[in-house]
């Protein structure tokens, strides 16, 4: 990790960009920290 993505939202956005599935309603975010929830909500 090069630490260019320091916010959870940035990490989630990067993963979604790399993902072959482009229909966001088919993707589920699972996390165990409040940052995971906040980042997931921020990216839709």
C-alpha atoms as a PDB file:
ATOM      1  CA  UNK A   1       0.000   0.000   0.000  1.00  0.00           C
ATOM      2  CA  UNK A   2       1.366   3.344  -0.989  1.00  0.00           C
ATOM      3  CA  UNK A   3      -1.017   5.304   1.256  1.00  0.00           C
ATOM      4  CA  UNK A   4      -2.359   7.433  -1.621  1.00  0.00           C
ATOM      5  CA  UNK A   5      -5.878   6.528  -0.505  1.00  0.00           C
ATOM      6  CA  UNK A   6      -6.087   7.578   3.123  1.00  0.00           C
ATOM      7  CA  UNK A   7      -9.871   7.923   3.405  1.00  0.00           C
ATOM      8  CA  UNK A   8     -12.176   4.893   3.382  1.00  0.00           C
ATOM      9  CA  UNK A   9     -14.290   6.518   0.672  1.00  0.00           C
ATOM     10  CA  UNK A  10     -11.209   6.738  -1.571  1.00  0.00           C
ATOM     11  CA  UNK A  11     -10.452   3.058  -1.044  1.00  0.00           C
ATOM     12  CA  UNK A  12     -14.025   2.038  -1.836  1.00  0.00           C
ATOM     13  CA  UNK A  13     -14.096   4.240  -4.946  1.00  0.00           C
ATOM     14  CA  UNK A  14     -10.844   2.642  -6.157  1.00  0.00           C
ATOM     15  CA  UNK A  15     -12.186  -0.871  -5.626  1.00  0.00           C
ATOM     16  CA  UNK A  16     -15.403  -0.043  -7.475  1.00  0.00           C
ATOM     17  CA  UNK A  17     -13.403   1.382 -10.386  1.00  0.00           C
ATOM     18  CA  UNK A  18     -11.402  -1.873 -10.583  1.00  0.00           C
ATOM     19  CA  UNK A  19     -14.495  -4.075 -10.313  1.00  0.00           C
ATOM     20  CA  UNK A  20     -15.987  -5.597 -13.459  1.00  0.00           C
ATOM     21  CA  UNK A  21     -19.523  -5.188 -12.085  1.00  0.00           C
ATOM     22  CA  UNK A  22     -20.714  -1.672 -12.912  1.00  0.00           C
ATOM     23  CA  UNK A  23     -24.284  -1.949 -11.599  1.00  0.00           C
ATOM     24  CA  UNK A  24     -23.854  -0.596  -8.087  1.00  0.00           C
ATOM     25  CA  UNK A  25     -27.162  -2.033  -6.907  1.00  0.00           C
ATOM     26  CA  UNK A  26     -25.613  -5.512  -7.270  1.00  0.00           C
ATOM     27  CA  UNK A  27     -22.659  -4.689  -4.994  1.00  0.00           C
ATOM     28  CA  UNK A  28     -22.788  -5.097  -1.209  1.00  0.00           C
ATOM     29  CA  UNK A  29     -20.385  -3.414   1.204  1.00  0.00           C
ATOM     30  CA  UNK A  30     -19.587  -5.403   4.335  1.00  0.00           C
ATOM     31  CA  UNK A  31     -17.523  -3.849   7.096  1.00  0.00           C
ATOM     32  CA  UNK A  32     -16.951  -3.967  10.808  1.00  0.00           C
ATOM     33  CA  UNK A  33     -16.020  -0.354  11.548  1.00  0.00           C
ATOM     34  CA  UNK A  34     -17.952   2.887  11.461  1.00  0.00           C
ATOM     35  CA  UNK A  35     -15.517   4.120   8.788  1.00  0.00           C
ATOM     36  CA  UNK A  36     -16.613   1.251   6.543  1.00  0.00           C
ATOM     37  CA  UNK A  37     -20.253   2.279   6.872  1.00  0.00           C
ATOM     38  CA  UNK A  38     -19.546   5.966   6.302  1.00  0.00           C
ATOM     39  CA  UNK A  39     -17.337   5.217   3.293  1.00  0.00           C
ATOM     40  CA  UNK A  40     -19.916   2.875   1.803  1.00  0.00           C
ATOM     41  CA  UNK A  41     -22.697   5.412   2.178  1.00  0.00           C
ATOM     42  CA  UNK A  42     -20.550   8.154   0.655  1.00  0.00           C
ATOM     43  CA  UNK A  43     -19.949   6.070  -2.484  1.00  0.00           C
ATOM     44  CA  UNK A  44     -23.582   4.998  -2.797  1.00  0.00           C
END
